[in-house]
C-alpha atoms as a PDB file:
ATOM      1  CA  MET A   1      48.972 -55.053-125.515  1.00  0.00           C
ATOM      2  CA  THR A   2      51.965 -55.113-127.845  1.00  0.00           C
ATOM      3  CA  ALA A   3      55.188 -53.296-127.139  1.00  0.00           C
ATOM      4  CA  ALA A   4      54.324 -50.768-129.835  1.00  0.00           C
ATOM      5  CA  HIS A   5      51.144 -49.812-127.965  1.00  0.00           C
ATOM      6  CA  LEU A   6      52.607 -49.599-124.440  1.00  0.00           C
ATOM      7  CA  PRO A   7      52.229 -46.190-122.800  1.00  0.00           C
ATOM      8  CA  PRO A   8      55.418 -44.132-122.570  1.00  0.00           C
ATOM      9  CA  THR A   9      57.552 -44.646-119.466  1.00  0.00           C
ATOM     10  CA  THR A  10      57.325 -41.874-116.927  1.00  0.00           C
ATOM     11  CA  HIS A  11      59.665 -41.199-114.045  1.00  0.00           C
ATOM     12  CA  ALA A  12      57.900 -40.464-110.789  1.00  0.00           C
ATOM     13  CA  ALA A  13      59.927 -39.504-107.740  1.00  0.00           C
ATOM     14  CA  ARG A  14      59.552 -41.988-104.911  1.00  0.00           C
ATOM     15  CA  ALA A  15      58.885 -41.320-101.265  1.00  0.00           C
ATOM     16  CA  VAL A  16      62.374 -41.350 -99.763  1.00  0.00           C
ATOM     17  CA  PRO A  17      62.579 -43.583 -96.655  1.00  0.00           C
ATOM     18  CA  ALA A  18      63.718 -42.224 -93.335  1.00  0.00           C
ATOM     19  CA  ALA A  19      67.503 -41.864 -93.302  1.00  0.00           C
ATOM     20  CA  PRO A  20      68.389 -40.609 -89.822  1.00  0.00           C
ATOM     21  CA  LEU A  21      72.066 -40.063 -90.642  1.00  0.00           C
ATOM     22  CA  GLY A  22      71.756 -39.234 -94.342  1.00  0.00           C
ATOM     23  CA  ARG A  23      71.514 -41.568 -97.333  1.00  0.00           C
ATOM     24  CA  ALA A  24      75.061 -41.452 -98.725  1.00  0.00           C
ATOM     25  CA  LEU A  25      77.604 -42.361 -96.046  1.00  0.00           C
ATOM     26  CA  CYS A  26      81.283 -43.174 -96.483  1.00  0.00           C
ATOM     27  CA  ALA A  27      83.094 -45.685 -94.297  1.00  0.00           C
ATOM     28  CA  MET A  28      86.126 -43.423 -94.190  1.00  0.00           C
ATOM     29  CA  VAL A  29      89.696 -44.653 -93.993  1.00  0.00           C
ATOM     30  CA  THR A  30      91.795 -43.413 -91.085  1.00  0.00           C
ATOM     31  CA  PRO A  31      94.735 -41.480 -92.562  1.00  0.00           C
ATOM     32  CA  PHE A  32      98.143 -42.127 -91.051  1.00  0.00           C
ATOM     33  CA  THR A  33     101.469 -40.384 -91.577  1.00  0.00           C
ATOM     34  CA  THR A  34     104.331 -42.182 -93.296  1.00  0.00           C
ATOM     35  CA  SER A  35     105.579 -43.170 -89.838  1.00  0.00           C
ATOM     36  CA  GLY A  36     102.191 -44.677 -88.956  1.00  0.00           C
ATOM     37  CA  ALA A  37     100.926 -41.956 -86.613  1.00  0.00           C
ATOM     38  CA  LEU A  38      97.367 -40.648 -86.773  1.00  0.00           C
ATOM     39  CA  ASP A  39      97.157 -37.920 -89.426  1.00  0.00           C
ATOM     40  CA  LEU A  40      94.459 -35.540 -88.217  1.00  0.00           C
ATOM     41  CA  ASP A  41      95.245 -32.907 -90.845  1.00  0.00           C
ATOM     42  CA  GLY A  42      94.880 -35.541 -93.540  1.00  0.00           C
ATOM     43  CA  ALA A  43      91.638 -36.758 -91.995  1.00  0.00           C
ATOM     44  CA  GLN A  44      90.211 -33.252 -92.137  1.00  0.00           C
ATOM     45  CA  LEU A  45      91.256 -32.774 -95.757  1.00  0.00           C
ATOM     46  CA  LEU A  46      89.779 -36.121 -96.770  1.00  0.00           C
ATOM     47  CA  ALA A  47      86.559 -35.517 -94.833  1.00  0.00           C
ATOM     48  CA  ASP A  48      86.092 -32.112 -96.451  1.00  0.00           C
ATOM     49  CA  ARG A  49      86.606 -33.603 -99.915  1.00  0.00           C
ATOM     50  CA  LEU A  50      84.187 -36.456 -99.332  1.00  0.00           C
ATOM     51  CA  VAL A  51      81.438 -34.119 -98.166  1.00  0.00           C
ATOM     52  CA  ALA A  52      82.075 -31.768-101.088  1.00  0.00           C
ATOM     53  CA  GLU A  53      81.784 -34.768-103.432  1.00  0.00           C
ATOM     54  CA  GLY A  54      78.357 -35.801-102.142  1.00  0.00           C
ATOM     55  CA  CYS A  55      78.721 -37.740 -98.894  1.00  0.00           C
ATOM     56  CA  GLU A  56      75.974 -36.926 -96.403  1.00  0.00           C
ATOM     57  CA  GLY A  57      77.668 -38.720 -93.535  1.00  0.00           C
ATOM     58  CA  LEU A  58      81.064 -40.089 -92.545  1.00  0.00           C
ATOM     59  CA  VAL A  59      81.517 -43.261 -90.508  1.00  0.00           C
ATOM     60  CA  LEU A  60      84.779 -43.301 -88.591  1.00  0.00           C
ATOM     61  CA  SER A  61      86.681 -46.132 -86.919  1.00  0.00           C
ATOM     62  CA  GLY A  62      84.821 -48.933 -88.646  1.00  0.00           C
ATOM     63  CA  THR A  63      86.367 -51.878 -90.463  1.00  0.00           C
ATOM     64  CA  THR A  64      87.688 -49.633 -93.231  1.00  0.00           C
ATOM     65  CA  GLY A  65      88.968 -47.234 -90.586  1.00  0.00           C
ATOM     66  CA  GLU A  66      91.218 -49.976 -89.130  1.00  0.00           C
ATOM     67  CA  SER A  67      89.586 -49.614 -85.731  1.00  0.00           C
ATOM     68  CA  PRO A  68      91.290 -52.671 -84.172  1.00  0.00           C
ATOM     69  CA  THR A  69      94.627 -50.862 -84.532  1.00  0.00           C
ATOM     70  CA  THR A  70      93.695 -47.408 -83.181  1.00  0.00           C
ATOM     71  CA  SER A  71      93.683 -46.436 -79.522  1.00  0.00           C
ATOM     72  CA  ASP A  72      90.700 -45.060 -77.630  1.00  0.00           C
ATOM     73  CA  ALA A  73      92.362 -41.638 -77.572  1.00  0.00           C
ATOM     74  CA  GLU A  74      92.980 -41.739 -81.329  1.00  0.00           C
ATOM     75  CA  LYS A  75      89.349 -42.645 -81.993  1.00  0.00           C
ATOM     76  CA  ALA A  76      88.127 -39.667 -79.951  1.00  0.00           C
ATOM     77  CA  ALA A  77      90.628 -37.288 -81.544  1.00  0.00           C
ATOM     78  CA  LEU A  78      89.505 -38.438 -85.000  1.00  0.00           C
ATOM     79  CA  VAL A  79      85.867 -37.651 -84.197  1.00  0.00           C
ATOM     80  CA  GLU A  80      86.791 -34.183 -82.947  1.00  0.00           C
ATOM     81  CA  ALA A  81      88.907 -33.396 -86.021  1.00  0.00           C
ATOM     82  CA  VAL A  82      86.377 -34.631 -88.573  1.00  0.00           C
ATOM     83  CA  ARG A  83      83.490 -32.920 -86.835  1.00  0.00           C
ATOM     84  CA  GLU A  84      85.420 -29.648 -87.033  1.00  0.00           C
ATOM     85  CA  ALA A  85      86.162 -30.206 -90.721  1.00  0.00           C
ATOM     86  CA  VAL A  86      82.608 -30.985 -91.825  1.00  0.00           C
ATOM     87  CA  ASP A  87      81.148 -28.213 -89.644  1.00  0.00           C
ATOM     88  CA  GLY A  88      77.582 -29.506 -89.683  1.00  0.00           C
ATOM     89  CA  ARG A  89      77.498 -30.327 -93.408  1.00  0.00           C
ATOM     90  CA  ALA A  90      77.337 -34.081 -92.784  1.00  0.00           C
ATOM     91  CA  SER A  91      76.711 -36.484 -89.936  1.00  0.00           C
ATOM     92  CA  VAL A  92      79.691 -37.957 -88.092  1.00  0.00           C
ATOM     93  CA  VAL A  93      79.167 -41.530 -86.910  1.00  0.00           C
ATOM     94  CA  ALA A  94      81.731 -43.094 -84.588  1.00  0.00           C
ATOM     95  CA  GLY A  95      82.543 -46.778 -84.639  1.00  0.00           C
ATOM     96  CA  VAL A  96      82.690 -47.906 -81.019  1.00  0.00           C
ATOM     97  CA  GLY A  97      82.322 -51.663 -81.315  1.00  0.00           C
ATOM     98  CA  SER A  98      84.510 -54.137 -79.494  1.00  0.00           C
ATOM     99  CA  SER A  99      84.239 -57.647 -78.104  1.00  0.00           C
ATOM    100  CA  ASP A 100      83.801 -56.259 -74.576  1.00  0.00           C
ATOM    101  CA  THR A 101      80.480 -54.650 -73.593  1.00  0.00           C
ATOM    102  CA  ALA A 102      82.007 -52.462 -70.878  1.00  0.00           C
ATOM    103  CA  HIS A 103      84.710 -51.194 -73.232  1.00  0.00           C
ATOM    104  CA  THR A 104      82.151 -50.538 -75.972  1.00  0.00           C
ATOM    105  CA  ALA A 105      80.053 -48.499 -73.544  1.00  0.00           C
ATOM    106  CA  GLU A 106      83.128 -46.494 -72.544  1.00  0.00           C
ATOM    107  CA  LEU A 107      83.949 -45.812 -76.202  1.00  0.00           C
ATOM    108  CA  ALA A 108      80.337 -44.709 -76.779  1.00  0.00           C
ATOM    109  CA  LEU A 109      80.587 -42.129 -74.011  1.00  0.00           C
ATOM    110  CA  ARG A 110      83.923 -40.848 -75.328  1.00  0.00           C
ATOM    111  CA  ALA A 111      82.503 -40.545 -78.841  1.00  0.00           C
ATOM    112  CA  GLU A 112      79.505 -38.626 -77.543  1.00  0.00           C
ATOM    113  CA  LYS A 113      81.781 -36.248 -75.629  1.00  0.00           C
ATOM    114  CA  ALA A 114      83.939 -35.792 -78.753  1.00  0.00           C
ATOM    115  CA  GLY A 115      80.897 -34.642 -80.729  1.00  0.00           C
ATOM    116  CA  ALA A 116      79.724 -37.668 -82.696  1.00  0.00           C
ATOM    117  CA  ASP A 117      76.198 -37.605 -84.136  1.00  0.00           C
ATOM    118  CA  GLY A 118      75.715 -41.364 -83.926  1.00  0.00           C
ATOM    119  CA  LEU A 119      77.347 -44.662 -82.980  1.00  0.00           C
ATOM    120  CA  LEU A 120      78.185 -47.705 -85.081  1.00  0.00           C
ATOM    121  CA  VAL A 121      78.188 -50.790 -82.837  1.00  0.00           C
ATOM    122  CA  VAL A 122      79.366 -54.115 -84.231  1.00  0.00           C
ATOM    123  CA  THR A 123      78.322 -57.518 -82.903  1.00  0.00           C
ATOM    124  CA  PRO A 124      80.814 -58.729 -80.273  1.00  0.00           C
ATOM    125  CA  TYR A 125      83.380 -60.771 -82.137  1.00  0.00           C
ATOM    126  CA  TYR A 126      85.395 -63.891 -81.381  1.00  0.00           C
ATOM    127  CA  SER A 127      83.407 -64.920 -78.291  1.00  0.00           C
ATOM    128  CA  ARG A 128      80.378 -65.751 -80.490  1.00  0.00           C
ATOM    129  CA  PRO A 129      77.650 -64.930 -77.948  1.00  0.00           C
ATOM    130  CA  PRO A 130      74.144 -66.415 -78.352  1.00  0.00           C
ATOM    131  CA  GLN A 131      71.342 -64.147 -79.513  1.00  0.00           C
ATOM    132  CA  GLU A 132      70.140 -63.344 -75.997  1.00  0.00           C
ATOM    133  CA  ALA A 133      73.618 -62.052 -75.160  1.00  0.00           C
ATOM    134  CA  VAL A 134      73.896 -60.174 -78.460  1.00  0.00           C
ATOM    135  CA  GLU A 135      70.639 -58.382 -77.669  1.00  0.00           C
ATOM    136  CA  ALA A 136      71.761 -57.565 -74.129  1.00  0.00           C
ATOM    137  CA  HIS A 137      75.048 -56.148 -75.437  1.00  0.00           C
ATOM    138  CA  PHE A 138      73.357 -53.735 -77.835  1.00  0.00           C
ATOM    139  CA  ARG A 139      70.793 -52.642 -75.262  1.00  0.00           C
ATOM    140  CA  ALA A 140      73.523 -51.925 -72.710  1.00  0.00           C
ATOM    141  CA  VAL A 141      75.424 -49.713 -75.159  1.00  0.00           C
ATOM    142  CA  ALA A 142      72.263 -47.922 -76.313  1.00  0.00           C
ATOM    143  CA  ASP A 143      71.305 -47.276 -72.686  1.00  0.00           C
ATOM    144  CA  VAL A 144      74.572 -45.593 -71.746  1.00  0.00           C
ATOM    145  CA  SER A 145      74.584 -42.818 -74.351  1.00  0.00           C
ATOM    146  CA  GLY A 146      72.078 -40.357 -75.736  1.00  0.00           C
ATOM    147  CA  LEU A 147      73.212 -40.891 -79.336  1.00  0.00           C
ATOM    148  CA  PRO A 148      71.388 -42.886 -82.021  1.00  0.00           C
ATOM    149  CA  VAL A 149      72.840 -46.357 -82.541  1.00  0.00           C
ATOM    150  CA  VAL A 150      73.498 -48.170 -85.820  1.00  0.00           C
ATOM    151  CA  LEU A 151      73.730 -51.958 -85.401  1.00  0.00           C
ATOM    152  CA  TYR A 152      76.555 -53.393 -87.502  1.00  0.00           C
ATOM    153  CA  ASP A 153      75.690 -56.885 -88.754  1.00  0.00           C
ATOM    154  CA  ILE A 154      78.749 -58.444 -90.407  1.00  0.00           C
ATOM    155  CA  PRO A 155      78.853 -62.137 -89.484  1.00  0.00           C
ATOM    156  CA  GLY A 156      81.632 -62.900 -91.964  1.00  0.00           C
ATOM    157  CA  ARG A 157      84.001 -60.982 -89.691  1.00  0.00           C
ATOM    158  CA  THR A 158      82.448 -61.357 -86.240  1.00  0.00           C
ATOM    159  CA  GLY A 159      81.354 -64.989 -86.482  1.00  0.00           C
ATOM    160  CA  THR A 160      77.897 -64.100 -85.152  1.00  0.00           C
ATOM    161  CA  ARG A 161      74.809 -62.935 -87.016  1.00  0.00           C
ATOM    162  CA  ILE A 162      72.280 -60.508 -85.585  1.00  0.00           C
ATOM    163  CA  GLU A 163      69.306 -62.686 -86.448  1.00  0.00           C
ATOM    164  CA  PRO A 164      66.228 -60.973 -87.950  1.00  0.00           C
ATOM    165  CA  ASP A 165      64.123 -61.783 -84.882  1.00  0.00           C
ATOM    166  CA  THR A 166      66.786 -60.181 -82.674  1.00  0.00           C
ATOM    167  CA  MET A 167      66.736 -57.091 -84.900  1.00  0.00           C
ATOM    168  CA  LEU A 168      62.970 -56.865 -84.499  1.00  0.00           C
ATOM    169  CA  ARG A 169      63.243 -56.989 -80.718  1.00  0.00           C
ATOM    170  CA  LEU A 170      66.005 -54.387 -80.668  1.00  0.00           C
ATOM    171  CA  ALA A 171      63.923 -52.074 -82.834  1.00  0.00           C
ATOM    172  CA  ASP A 172      61.810 -51.208 -79.801  1.00  0.00           C
ATOM    173  CA  HIS A 173      64.750 -49.386 -78.182  1.00  0.00           C
ATOM    174  CA  PRO A 174      64.296 -45.640 -78.732  1.00  0.00           C
ATOM    175  CA  ARG A 175      67.957 -45.048 -79.599  1.00  0.00           C
ATOM    176  CA  ILE A 176      68.526 -48.072 -81.839  1.00  0.00           C
ATOM    177  CA  VAL A 177      67.567 -46.521 -85.156  1.00  0.00           C
ATOM    178  CA  ALA A 178      69.468 -48.204 -87.971  1.00  0.00           C
ATOM    179  CA  VAL A 179      71.418 -51.195 -89.276  1.00  0.00           C
ATOM    180  CA  LYS A 180      74.595 -51.420 -91.318  1.00  0.00           C
ATOM    181  CA  ASP A 181      73.786 -54.587 -93.220  1.00  0.00           C
ATOM    182  CA  CYS A 182      76.681 -56.807 -94.318  1.00  0.00           C
ATOM    183  CA  ALA A 183      74.907 -60.130 -93.794  1.00  0.00           C
ATOM    184  CA  TYR A 184      74.305 -60.861 -97.513  1.00  0.00           C
ATOM    185  CA  ASP A 185      70.728 -61.911 -96.768  1.00  0.00           C
ATOM    186  CA  LEU A 186      68.250 -59.749 -98.675  1.00  0.00           C
ATOM    187  CA  LEU A 187      65.355 -61.943 -97.580  1.00  0.00           C
ATOM    188  CA  GLY A 188      66.206 -61.478 -93.909  1.00  0.00           C
ATOM    189  CA  SER A 189      66.717 -57.746 -94.399  1.00  0.00           C
ATOM    190  CA  ALA A 190      63.387 -57.432 -96.175  1.00  0.00           C
ATOM    191  CA  LYS A 191      61.677 -59.286 -93.319  1.00  0.00           C
ATOM    192  CA  VAL A 192      63.024 -56.815 -90.766  1.00  0.00           C
ATOM    193  CA  MET A 193      62.238 -53.759 -92.895  1.00  0.00           C
ATOM    194  CA  ALA A 194      58.683 -55.005 -93.417  1.00  0.00           C
ATOM    195  CA  ASN A 195      58.049 -55.299 -89.686  1.00  0.00           C
ATOM    196  CA  CYS A 196      59.777 -52.347 -88.015  1.00  0.00           C
ATOM    197  CA  ASP A 197      61.125 -48.868 -88.636  1.00  0.00           C
ATOM    198  CA  LEU A 198      64.860 -49.605 -88.492  1.00  0.00           C
ATOM    199  CA  ALA A 199      66.687 -47.706 -91.250  1.00  0.00           C
ATOM    200  CA  TYR A 200      68.689 -50.188 -93.317  1.00  0.00           C
ATOM    201  CA  TYR A 201      72.036 -49.111 -94.780  1.00  0.00           C
ATOM    202  CA  THR A 202      73.901 -51.567 -96.952  1.00  0.00           C
ATOM    203  CA  GLY A 203      77.557 -52.003 -96.134  1.00  0.00           C
ATOM    204  CA  CYS A 204      78.083 -54.051 -99.309  1.00  0.00           C
ATOM    205  CA  ASP A 205      78.736 -51.775-102.278  1.00  0.00           C
ATOM    206  CA  GLU A 206      77.281 -54.220-104.782  1.00  0.00           C
ATOM    207  CA  PHE A 207      73.955 -54.042-102.900  1.00  0.00           C
ATOM    208  CA  VAL A 208      73.544 -50.249-102.904  1.00  0.00           C
ATOM    209  CA  LEU A 209      70.710 -50.280-105.422  1.00  0.00           C
ATOM    210  CA  PRO A 210      69.135 -53.661-104.523  1.00  0.00           C
ATOM    211  CA  LEU A 211      68.696 -52.764-100.839  1.00  0.00           C
ATOM    212  CA  TYR A 212      67.667 -49.196-101.609  1.00  0.00           C
ATOM    213  CA  ALA A 213      65.013 -50.480-104.004  1.00  0.00           C
ATOM    214  CA  LEU A 214      63.627 -52.645-101.186  1.00  0.00           C
ATOM    215  CA  GLY A 215      63.175 -49.550 -99.042  1.00  0.00           C
ATOM    216  CA  GLY A 216      66.631 -49.187 -97.544  1.00  0.00           C
ATOM    217  CA  ALA A 217      67.836 -45.867 -96.177  1.00  0.00           C
ATOM    218  CA  GLY A 218      71.070 -45.742 -98.160  1.00  0.00           C
ATOM    219  CA  TYR A 219      74.616 -47.029 -97.874  1.00  0.00           C
ATOM    220  CA  ILE A 220      77.752 -46.968 -95.737  1.00  0.00           C
ATOM    221  CA  SER A 221      80.373 -47.481 -98.415  1.00  0.00           C
ATOM    222  CA  THR A 222      84.095 -48.174 -98.533  1.00  0.00           C
ATOM    223  CA  VAL A 223      84.189 -47.483-102.278  1.00  0.00           C
ATOM    224  CA  ALA A 224      82.834 -43.991-101.545  1.00  0.00           C
ATOM    225  CA  ASN A 225      86.340 -43.069-100.366  1.00  0.00           C
ATOM    226  CA  VAL A 226      87.334 -42.911-104.032  1.00  0.00           C
ATOM    227  CA  ALA A 227      84.032 -42.730-105.962  1.00  0.00           C
ATOM    228  CA  PRO A 228      81.644 -40.684-103.809  1.00  0.00           C
ATOM    229  CA  ARG A 229      79.886 -39.030-106.752  1.00  0.00           C
ATOM    230  CA  GLY A 230      79.224 -42.306-108.555  1.00  0.00           C
ATOM    231  CA  LEU A 231      77.551 -43.895-105.547  1.00  0.00           C
ATOM    232  CA  ARG A 232      75.549 -40.792-104.690  1.00  0.00           C
ATOM    233  CA  ALA A 233      74.268 -40.682-108.279  1.00  0.00           C
ATOM    234  CA  ILE A 234      72.649 -44.118-107.847  1.00  0.00           C
ATOM    235  CA  VAL A 235      70.393 -43.098-104.969  1.00  0.00           C
ATOM    236  CA  ASP A 236      69.705 -39.675-106.474  1.00  0.00           C
ATOM    237  CA  ALA A 237      68.541 -41.254-109.726  1.00  0.00           C
ATOM    238  CA  PHE A 238      66.383 -43.797-107.936  1.00  0.00           C
ATOM    239  CA  ASP A 239      64.778 -41.111-105.787  1.00  0.00           C
ATOM    240  CA  ALA A 240      63.977 -39.174-108.952  1.00  0.00           C
ATOM    241  CA  GLY A 241      62.228 -42.233-110.364  1.00  0.00           C
ATOM    242  CA  ASP A 242      64.902 -42.854-112.995  1.00  0.00           C
ATOM    243  CA  THR A 243      65.516 -46.508-112.236  1.00  0.00           C
ATOM    244  CA  ALA A 244      67.320 -47.147-115.532  1.00  0.00           C
ATOM    245  CA  THR A 245      69.972 -44.556-114.719  1.00  0.00           C
ATOM    246  CA  ALA A 246      70.273 -45.895-111.172  1.00  0.00           C
ATOM    247  CA  ALA A 247      70.803 -49.422-112.481  1.00  0.00           C
ATOM    248  CA  ARG A 248      73.329 -48.247-115.034  1.00  0.00           C
ATOM    249  CA  GLY A 249      75.254 -46.416-112.323  1.00  0.00           C
ATOM    250  CA  GLN A 250      75.379 -49.552-110.166  1.00  0.00           C
ATOM    251  CA  ARG A 251      76.587 -51.652-113.105  1.00  0.00           C
ATOM    252  CA  GLN A 252      79.271 -49.152-114.063  1.00  0.00           C
ATOM    253  CA  LEU A 253      80.830 -49.441-110.616  1.00  0.00           C
ATOM    254  CA  THR A 254      81.006 -53.247-110.743  1.00  0.00           C
ATOM    255  CA  GLU A 255      84.665 -53.582-111.698  1.00  0.00           C
ATOM    256  CA  LEU A 256      85.889 -51.072-109.139  1.00  0.00           C
ATOM    257  CA  ILE A 257      83.717 -52.632-106.417  1.00  0.00           C
ATOM    258  CA  GLU A 258      85.027 -56.097-107.265  1.00  0.00           C
ATOM    259  CA  LEU A 259      88.656 -54.997-107.196  1.00  0.00           C
ATOM    260  CA  MET A 260      88.261 -53.048-103.973  1.00  0.00           C
ATOM    261  CA  MET A 261      86.017 -55.429-102.046  1.00  0.00           C
ATOM    262  CA  ALA A 262      86.288 -58.918-103.533  1.00  0.00           C
ATOM    263  CA  SER A 263      89.883 -59.279-104.707  1.00  0.00           C
ATOM    264  CA  GLY A 264      91.177 -60.939-101.559  1.00  0.00           C
ATOM    265  CA  LEU A 265      92.484 -57.687-100.103  1.00  0.00           C
ATOM    266  CA  PRO A 266      90.639 -55.877 -97.303  1.00  0.00           C
ATOM    267  CA  GLY A 267      88.812 -52.698 -98.275  1.00  0.00           C
ATOM    268  CA  ALA A 268      91.079 -50.622 -96.045  1.00  0.00           C
ATOM    269  CA  VAL A 269      94.075 -51.797 -98.088  1.00  0.00           C
ATOM    270  CA  THR A 270      92.549 -51.163-101.504  1.00  0.00           C
ATOM    271  CA  ALA A 271      90.988 -47.825-100.552  1.00  0.00           C
ATOM    272  CA  LYS A 272      94.253 -46.534 -99.108  1.00  0.00           C
ATOM    273  CA  ALA A 273      96.225 -47.793-102.104  1.00  0.00           C
ATOM    274  CA  LEU A 274      93.988 -45.959-104.545  1.00  0.00           C
ATOM    275  CA  LEU A 275      93.730 -42.803-102.430  1.00  0.00           C
ATOM    276  CA  GLY A 276      97.497 -42.727-102.050  1.00  0.00           C
ATOM    277  CA  ALA A 277      98.058 -43.245-105.760  1.00  0.00           C
ATOM    278  CA  LEU A 278      95.727 -40.333-106.449  1.00  0.00           C
ATOM    279  CA  GLY A 279      97.628 -38.098-104.062  1.00  0.00           C
ATOM    280  CA  LEU A 280      94.846 -37.955-101.489  1.00  0.00           C
ATOM    281  CA  PRO A 281      95.241 -38.334 -97.709  1.00  0.00           C
ATOM    282  CA  ALA A 282      95.485 -41.968 -96.643  1.00  0.00           C
ATOM    283  CA  GLY A 283      98.976 -43.072 -95.732  1.00  0.00           C
ATOM    284  CA  PRO A 284      99.975 -46.647 -94.934  1.00  0.00           C
ATOM    285  CA  VAL A 285      97.870 -49.330 -93.302  1.00  0.00           C
ATOM    286  CA  ARG A 286      98.822 -50.546 -89.858  1.00  0.00           C
ATOM    287  CA  THR A 287      99.919 -54.110 -89.279  1.00  0.00           C
ATOM    288  CA  PRO A 288      98.740 -56.830 -89.376  1.00  0.00           C
ATOM    289  CA  LEU A 289      97.525 -55.459 -92.721  1.00  0.00           C
ATOM    290  CA  LEU A 290     100.080 -54.971 -95.480  1.00  0.00           C
ATOM    291  CA  PRO A 291      99.865 -52.514 -98.374  1.00  0.00           C
ATOM    292  CA  ALA A 292      98.709 -53.524-101.835  1.00  0.00           C
ATOM    293  CA  GLY A 293     101.278 -54.566-104.405  1.00  0.00           C
ATOM    294  CA  ARG A 294     101.921 -52.929-107.757  1.00  0.00           C
ATOM    295  CA  GLU A 295      99.721 -55.321-109.749  1.00  0.00           C
ATOM    296  CA  ALA A 296      96.707 -54.667-107.527  1.00  0.00           C
ATOM    297  CA  VAL A 297      97.227 -50.913-107.682  1.00  0.00           C
ATOM    298  CA  ASP A 298      97.544 -50.969-111.462  1.00  0.00           C
ATOM    299  CA  GLY A 299      94.158 -52.707-111.650  1.00  0.00           C
ATOM    300  CA  LEU A 300      92.550 -50.250-109.256  1.00  0.00           C
ATOM    301  CA  LEU A 301      93.866 -47.272-111.194  1.00  0.00           C
ATOM    302  CA  ALA A 302      92.653 -48.727-114.493  1.00  0.00           C
ATOM    303  CA  ALA A 303      89.155 -49.296-113.075  1.00  0.00           C
ATOM    304  CA  TYR A 304      89.101 -45.789-111.614  1.00  0.00           C
ATOM    305  CA  GLU A 305      90.194 -44.249-114.902  1.00  0.00           C
ATOM    306  CA  ALA A 306      87.551 -46.265-116.792  1.00  0.00           C
ATOM    307  CA  LEU A 307      84.916 -44.518-114.678  1.00  0.00           C
ATOM    308  CA  GLY A 308      86.187 -41.154-115.891  1.00  0.00           C
ATOM    309  CA  GLY A 309      88.487 -40.430-113.001  1.00  0.00           C
ATOM    310  CA  ALA A 310      91.489 -38.285-113.826  1.00  0.00           C
ATOM    311  CA  LEU A 311      94.861 -39.741-112.883  1.00  0.00           C
ATOM    312  CA  PRO A 312      97.491 -37.265-111.666  1.00  0.00           C
ATOM    313  CA  ALA A 313     100.984 -37.457-113.104  1.00  0.00           C
ATOM    314  CA  GLY A 314     103.117 -40.045-111.371  1.00  0.00           C
ATOM    315  CA  ALA A 315     100.133 -41.660-109.656  1.00  0.00           C
ATOM    316  CA  VAL A 316     101.669 -45.114-109.284  1.00  0.00           C
ATOM    317  CA  GLN A 317     104.916 -43.725-107.895  1.00  0.00           C
ATOM    318  CA  ARG A 318     103.021 -42.644-104.772  1.00  0.00           C
ATOM    319  CA  VAL A 319     101.868 -46.175-103.999  1.00  0.00           C
ATOM    320  CA  VAL A 320     103.240 -47.736-100.854  1.00  0.00           C
ATOM    321  CA  SER A 321     105.113 -50.947-101.486  1.00  0.00           C
ATOM    322  CA  ILE A 322     104.625 -54.209 -99.630  1.00  0.00           C
ATOM    323  CA  GLY A 323     106.951 -54.854 -96.760  1.00  0.00           C
ATOM    324  CA  ASP A 324     108.862 -51.658 -96.065  1.00  0.00           C
ATOM    325  CA  GLN A 325     105.941 -49.226 -96.672  1.00  0.00           C
ATOM    326  CA  THR A 326     108.176 -46.743 -98.492  1.00  0.00           C
ATOM    327  CA  PRO A 327     107.379 -44.993-101.798  1.00  0.00           C
ATOM    328  CA  LEU A 328     108.143 -47.013-104.897  1.00  0.00           C
END
């Protein structure tokens, strides 16, 4: 059949996979004051904006939330404040991962008491446990709390992969319901999704559409801090059967994703730089991270503006400078 005789393309809505915590989740930054203290008012303002702009869930105290630098008390206070701000309009997922199983279990209980809807648990880092120990760690944390658990697979940071076979074994735990997938292994992810009911969320913004098209549940995105509508539009279009629009939306975000996530600066740094330049709650990063320099911020602002984002007057003047963390 020639192209001229092909039937017209129709858009049929797909069956949306189970997304226990929503499809469109933001890995939210943790706002700090100019002095570096936890900014709960700023966190509430940012959370409210993100939900209003299309986020169905907020993940707190993850990598983007600078969790290694916040205390246990700060993590719990953040959950309480954000839960109050979203008031049931979105799920609140608390990052509770650490390299110590007992400490992780304690953080899980504190998050549950603070009102979290779910837990994000990263693979124990630095000690590089074998797979048997990785499995035991996740089971111990899932056993201690009544909340659903999202396994966080990010071997580039932890040094240890959650192997697909380990994922499949963990899937039999009634409270282990999802994966935040940052392993950059679509074949391995597809293998797990084909053989169990774990909900797969990509944590890599460039894989939002590819993983979703494979049957993923959605995304947990750092870029959603600044472009929540653009990311939400990708999954909405795909669910409506409009794959061309979904693909176009993913492509349009490429430059911003690259600058925020693949420029050599951590996502927490780039997200806070852009949020701060736009006059939104963020504040400085905590050491050992350092703020983005002027050249990086100029690039981020240009990419944001190219997507149709409006720049407020004096945007760059609000950027925090490297070293002294004072306004330029």
